[in-house]
C-alpha atoms as a PDB file:
ATOM      1  CA  MET A   1      19.677  13.590 -10.544  1.00  0.00           C
ATOM      2  CA  ALA A   2      17.334  15.708  -8.442  1.00  0.00           C
ATOM      3  CA  GLN A   3      15.395  13.869  -5.763  1.00  0.00           C
ATOM      4  CA  LEU A   4      11.601  13.884  -6.079  1.00  0.00           C
ATOM      5  CA  ASN A   5       9.593  15.337  -3.209  1.00  0.00           C
ATOM      6  CA  PRO A   6       7.558  12.855  -1.116  1.00  0.00           C
ATOM      7  CA  LEU A   7       4.250  13.544  -2.914  1.00  0.00           C
ATOM      8  CA  LYS A   8       5.766  13.095  -6.393  1.00  0.00           C
ATOM      9  CA  THR A   9       7.528   9.942  -5.195  1.00  0.00           C
ATOM     10  CA  PHE A  10       4.222   8.639  -3.827  1.00  0.00           C
ATOM     11  CA  ARG A  11       2.419   9.347  -7.111  1.00  0.00           C
ATOM     12  CA  LEU A  12       5.167   7.559  -9.054  1.00  0.00           C
ATOM     13  CA  ILE A  13       5.289   4.374  -6.967  1.00  0.00           C
ATOM     14  CA  ALA A  14       1.580   4.128  -6.135  1.00  0.00           C
ATOM     15  CA  PRO A  15      -0.476   5.099  -9.202  1.00  0.00           C
ATOM     16  CA  GLU A  16      -3.483   3.152  -7.910  1.00  0.00           C
ATOM     17  CA  PHE A  17      -4.162   6.080  -5.550  1.00  0.00           C
ATOM     18  CA  LYS A  18      -4.702   8.547  -8.397  1.00  0.00           C
ATOM     19  CA  ASP A  19      -8.214   9.307  -7.119  1.00  0.00           C
ATOM     20  CA  VAL A  20      -7.018  10.103  -3.597  1.00  0.00           C
ATOM     21  CA  LYS A  21      -6.671  13.864  -3.110  1.00  0.00           C
ATOM     22  CA  ASP A  22      -3.203  15.357  -2.699  1.00  0.00           C
ATOM     23  CA  SER A  23      -4.241  16.807   0.669  1.00  0.00           C
ATOM     24  CA  GLU A  24      -5.095  13.329   1.991  1.00  0.00           C
ATOM     25  CA  VAL A  25      -1.837  11.867   0.653  1.00  0.00           C
ATOM     26  CA  ARG A  26       0.160  14.753   2.168  1.00  0.00           C
ATOM     27  CA  ALA A  27      -1.531  14.194   5.530  1.00  0.00           C
ATOM     28  CA  MET A  28      -0.594  10.501   5.468  1.00  0.00           C
ATOM     29  CA  LEU A  29       2.977  11.335   4.397  1.00  0.00           C
ATOM     30  CA  GLU A  30       3.231  13.718   7.365  1.00  0.00           C
ATOM     31  CA  LEU A  31       1.947  11.004   9.710  1.00  0.00           C
ATOM     32  CA  CYS A  32       4.624   8.632   8.399  1.00  0.00           C
ATOM     33  CA  GLU A  33       7.559  11.061   8.625  1.00  0.00           C
ATOM     34  CA  PRO A  34       8.307  10.515  12.341  1.00  0.00           C
ATOM     35  CA  LEU A  35       8.221   6.740  11.807  1.00  0.00           C
ATOM     36  CA  VAL A  36      11.030   6.743   9.236  1.00  0.00           C
ATOM     37  CA  SER A  37      14.610   7.790   9.992  1.00  0.00           C
ATOM     38  CA  LYS A  38      15.945  10.359   7.533  1.00  0.00           C
ATOM     39  CA  LYS A  39      19.462   9.581   8.722  1.00  0.00           C
ATOM     40  CA  ARG A  40      19.158   5.809   8.250  1.00  0.00           C
ATOM     41  CA  PHE A  41      17.290   5.791   4.933  1.00  0.00           C
ATOM     42  CA  GLY A  42      19.376   8.605   3.449  1.00  0.00           C
ATOM     43  CA  GLN A  43      18.813   9.036  -0.282  1.00  0.00           C
ATOM     44  CA  VAL A  44      15.731   6.748  -0.261  1.00  0.00           C
ATOM     45  CA  TYR A  45      13.984   8.534   2.631  1.00  0.00           C
ATOM     46  CA  ASN A  46      11.221   9.970   0.408  1.00  0.00           C
ATOM     47  CA  GLN A  47      10.683   6.545  -1.124  1.00  0.00           C
ATOM     48  CA  ALA A  48      10.447   4.955   2.337  1.00  0.00           C
ATOM     49  CA  ILE A  49       7.812   7.390   3.618  1.00  0.00           C
ATOM     50  CA  ALA A  50       5.908   7.127   0.316  1.00  0.00           C
ATOM     51  CA  LEU A  51       5.826   3.318   0.595  1.00  0.00           C
ATOM     52  CA  LEU A  52       4.731   3.463   4.220  1.00  0.00           C
ATOM     53  CA  ALA A  53       2.008   5.995   3.380  1.00  0.00           C
ATOM     54  CA  ALA A  54       0.791   3.827   0.476  1.00  0.00           C
ATOM     55  CA  HIS A  55       0.752   0.802   2.790  1.00  0.00           C
ATOM     56  CA  ARG A  56      -1.347   2.634   5.375  1.00  0.00           C
ATOM     57  CA  LEU A  57      -3.721   4.065   2.759  1.00  0.00           C
ATOM     58  CA  LYS A  58      -4.201   0.606   1.247  1.00  0.00           C
ATOM     59  CA  LEU A  59      -5.024  -0.832   4.662  1.00  0.00           C
ATOM     60  CA  ALA A  60      -7.509   2.012   5.093  1.00  0.00           C
ATOM     61  CA  GLY A  61      -9.340   0.787   1.984  1.00  0.00           C
ATOM     62  CA  LYS A  62      -8.103   3.436  -0.435  1.00  0.00           C
ATOM     63  CA  GLY A  63      -6.800   2.786  -3.925  1.00  0.00           C
ATOM     64  CA  GLU A  64      -7.845   0.164  -6.435  1.00  0.00           C
ATOM     65  CA  ASN A  65      -9.757  -2.893  -5.313  1.00  0.00           C
ATOM     66  CA  PRO A  66      -8.471  -6.287  -6.495  1.00  0.00           C
ATOM     67  CA  LEU A  67     -12.115  -7.376  -6.799  1.00  0.00           C
ATOM     68  CA  GLY A  68     -12.781  -4.706  -9.429  1.00  0.00           C
ATOM     69  CA  ALA A  69     -15.564  -2.142  -9.543  1.00  0.00           C
ATOM     70  CA  GLU A  70     -18.170  -4.676  -8.442  1.00  0.00           C
ATOM     71  CA  GLY A  71     -16.113  -5.640  -5.415  1.00  0.00           C
ATOM     72  CA  SER A  72     -15.432  -2.075  -4.373  1.00  0.00           C
ATOM     73  CA  SER A  73     -19.043  -1.565  -3.363  1.00  0.00           C
ATOM     74  CA  LYS A  74     -18.996  -4.767  -1.296  1.00  0.00           C
ATOM     75  CA  VAL A  75     -15.641  -4.954   0.470  1.00  0.00           C
ATOM     76  CA  ASN A  76     -13.676  -1.775  -0.223  1.00  0.00           C
ATOM     77  CA  ALA A  77     -11.924  -1.851   3.133  1.00  0.00           C
ATOM     78  CA  ALA A  78     -10.790  -5.408   2.489  1.00  0.00           C
ATOM     79  CA  SER A  79      -8.688  -4.464  -0.517  1.00  0.00           C
ATOM     80  CA  GLY A  80      -5.504  -4.082   1.498  1.00  0.00           C
ATOM     81  CA  PHE A  81      -5.870  -7.231   3.544  1.00  0.00           C
ATOM     82  CA  GLY A  82      -5.299 -10.896   2.764  1.00  0.00           C
ATOM     83  CA  LEU A  83      -8.819 -11.521   1.572  1.00  0.00           C
ATOM     84  CA  ALA A  84      -9.519 -15.248   1.804  1.00  0.00           C
ATOM     85  CA  SER A  85     -13.096 -15.367   0.497  1.00  0.00           C
ATOM     86  CA  VAL A  86     -16.150 -13.291  -0.383  1.00  0.00           C
ATOM     87  CA  SER A  87     -19.750 -14.465  -0.658  1.00  0.00           C
ATOM     88  CA  GLU A  88     -22.778 -12.559  -1.830  1.00  0.00           C
ATOM     89  CA  GLY A  89     -25.904 -14.368  -0.605  1.00  0.00           C
ATOM     90  CA  SER A  90     -26.272 -13.569   3.122  1.00  0.00           C
ATOM     91  CA  THR A  91     -22.930 -11.709   2.827  1.00  0.00           C
ATOM     92  CA  SER A  92     -19.765 -13.330   4.105  1.00  0.00           C
ATOM     93  CA  VAL A  93     -16.210 -11.998   4.017  1.00  0.00           C
ATOM     94  CA  SER A  94     -13.176 -13.873   5.351  1.00  0.00           C
ATOM     95  CA  PHE A  95      -9.655 -12.611   5.894  1.00  0.00           C
ATOM     96  CA  ASN A  96      -6.442 -14.580   5.969  1.00  0.00           C
ATOM     97  CA  THR A  97      -4.656 -13.454   9.102  1.00  0.00           C
ATOM     98  CA  ALA A  98      -2.599 -16.623   9.582  1.00  0.00           C
ATOM     99  CA  ASN A  99       0.659 -14.721   9.093  1.00  0.00           C
ATOM    100  CA  MET A 100      -0.302 -11.754  11.276  1.00  0.00           C
ATOM    101  CA  ASN A 101       1.789 -11.362  14.406  1.00  0.00           C
ATOM    102  CA  THR A 102       1.843  -8.133  16.391  1.00  0.00           C
ATOM    103  CA  ASN A 103       5.349  -8.898  17.668  1.00  0.00           C
ATOM    104  CA  ASP A 104       7.076  -8.739  14.293  1.00  0.00           C
ATOM    105  CA  ASP A 105       6.852  -7.104  10.879  1.00  0.00           C
ATOM    106  CA  SER A 106       4.023  -9.265   9.516  1.00  0.00           C
ATOM    107  CA  TRP A 107       1.751  -6.201   9.437  1.00  0.00           C
ATOM    108  CA  TYR A 108       3.854  -4.943   6.532  1.00  0.00           C
ATOM    109  CA  ALA A 109       3.230  -8.174   4.620  1.00  0.00           C
ATOM    110  CA  LEU A 110      -0.432  -7.238   4.211  1.00  0.00           C
ATOM    111  CA  THR A 111       0.363  -5.054   1.176  1.00  0.00           C
ATOM    112  CA  SER A 112       2.953  -4.988  -1.587  1.00  0.00           C
ATOM    113  CA  TYR A 113       3.888  -1.470  -0.442  1.00  0.00           C
ATOM    114  CA  GLY A 114       4.643  -2.771   3.045  1.00  0.00           C
ATOM    115  CA  MET A 115       6.815  -5.515   1.579  1.00  0.00           C
ATOM    116  CA  GLU A 116       8.748  -2.981  -0.507  1.00  0.00           C
ATOM    117  CA  TYR A 117       9.209  -0.816   2.592  1.00  0.00           C
ATOM    118  CA  LEU A 118      10.608  -3.816   4.487  1.00  0.00           C
ATOM    119  CA  ASN A 119      12.993  -4.515   1.628  1.00  0.00           C
ATOM    120  CA  LEU A 120      14.272  -0.914   1.668  1.00  0.00           C
ATOM    121  CA  ARG A 121      14.651  -1.087   5.432  1.00  0.00           C
ATOM    122  CA  ARG A 122      16.573  -4.353   5.165  1.00  0.00           C
ATOM    123  CA  ILE A 123      18.975  -2.783   2.661  1.00  0.00           C
ATOM    124  CA  TYR A 124      19.469   0.640   4.263  1.00  0.00           C
ATOM    125  CA  VAL A 125      18.897   0.171   7.993  1.00  0.00           C
ATOM    126  CA  MET A 126      21.370  -2.072   9.756  1.00  0.00           C
ATOM    127  CA  SER A 127      19.902  -3.956  12.689  1.00  0.00           C
ATOM    128  CA  ILE A 128      21.463  -3.662  16.123  1.00  0.00           C
ATOM    129  CA  VAL A 129      22.427  -7.338  16.072  1.00  0.00           C
ATOM    130  CA  SER A 130      24.544  -6.953  12.942  1.00  0.00           C
ATOM    131  CA  ALA A 131      25.806  -3.460  13.710  1.00  0.00           C
ATOM    132  CA  GLY A 132      28.800  -4.759  15.618  1.00  0.00           C
ATOM    133  CA  GLY A 133      29.528  -3.920  19.174  1.00  0.00           C
ATOM    134  CA  CYS A 134      30.391  -6.170  22.033  1.00  0.00           C
ATOM    135  CA  CYS A 135      29.140  -9.578  22.991  1.00  0.00           C
ATOM    136  CA  TRP A 136      26.603 -10.387  25.683  1.00  0.00           C
ATOM    137  CA  PRO A 137      28.184 -10.644  29.133  1.00  0.00           C
ATOM    138  CA  LEU A 138      28.780 -14.236  30.154  1.00  0.00           C
END
């Protein structure tokens, strides 16, 4: 089976970005390319960069808003984050950042695309700890 190019892969796995121009998606895919190892991800490389691009676009406020059309005018940028609450009178927006830690992969947990990327990485990229090698010197 022929492998889909990164843009076609992106469009297949992230249909919520149908209104985002191809040029903007391509630019994000290009930004993600150096962050993903072609050697390590192998046959799922295009899927990995597409998921990472979708994750970053979602965090940038692109794509569909879980609050619907009404919510998109109020908190479009919040659509990719763990939105805890929204108020209308005197405007109040709260985010759930309890699981956010800059020292680990919790940033990826902010979107379903990030979680899928982590899953691919777990399957295809072996960590240094489990890659074998020698023990720590005693």
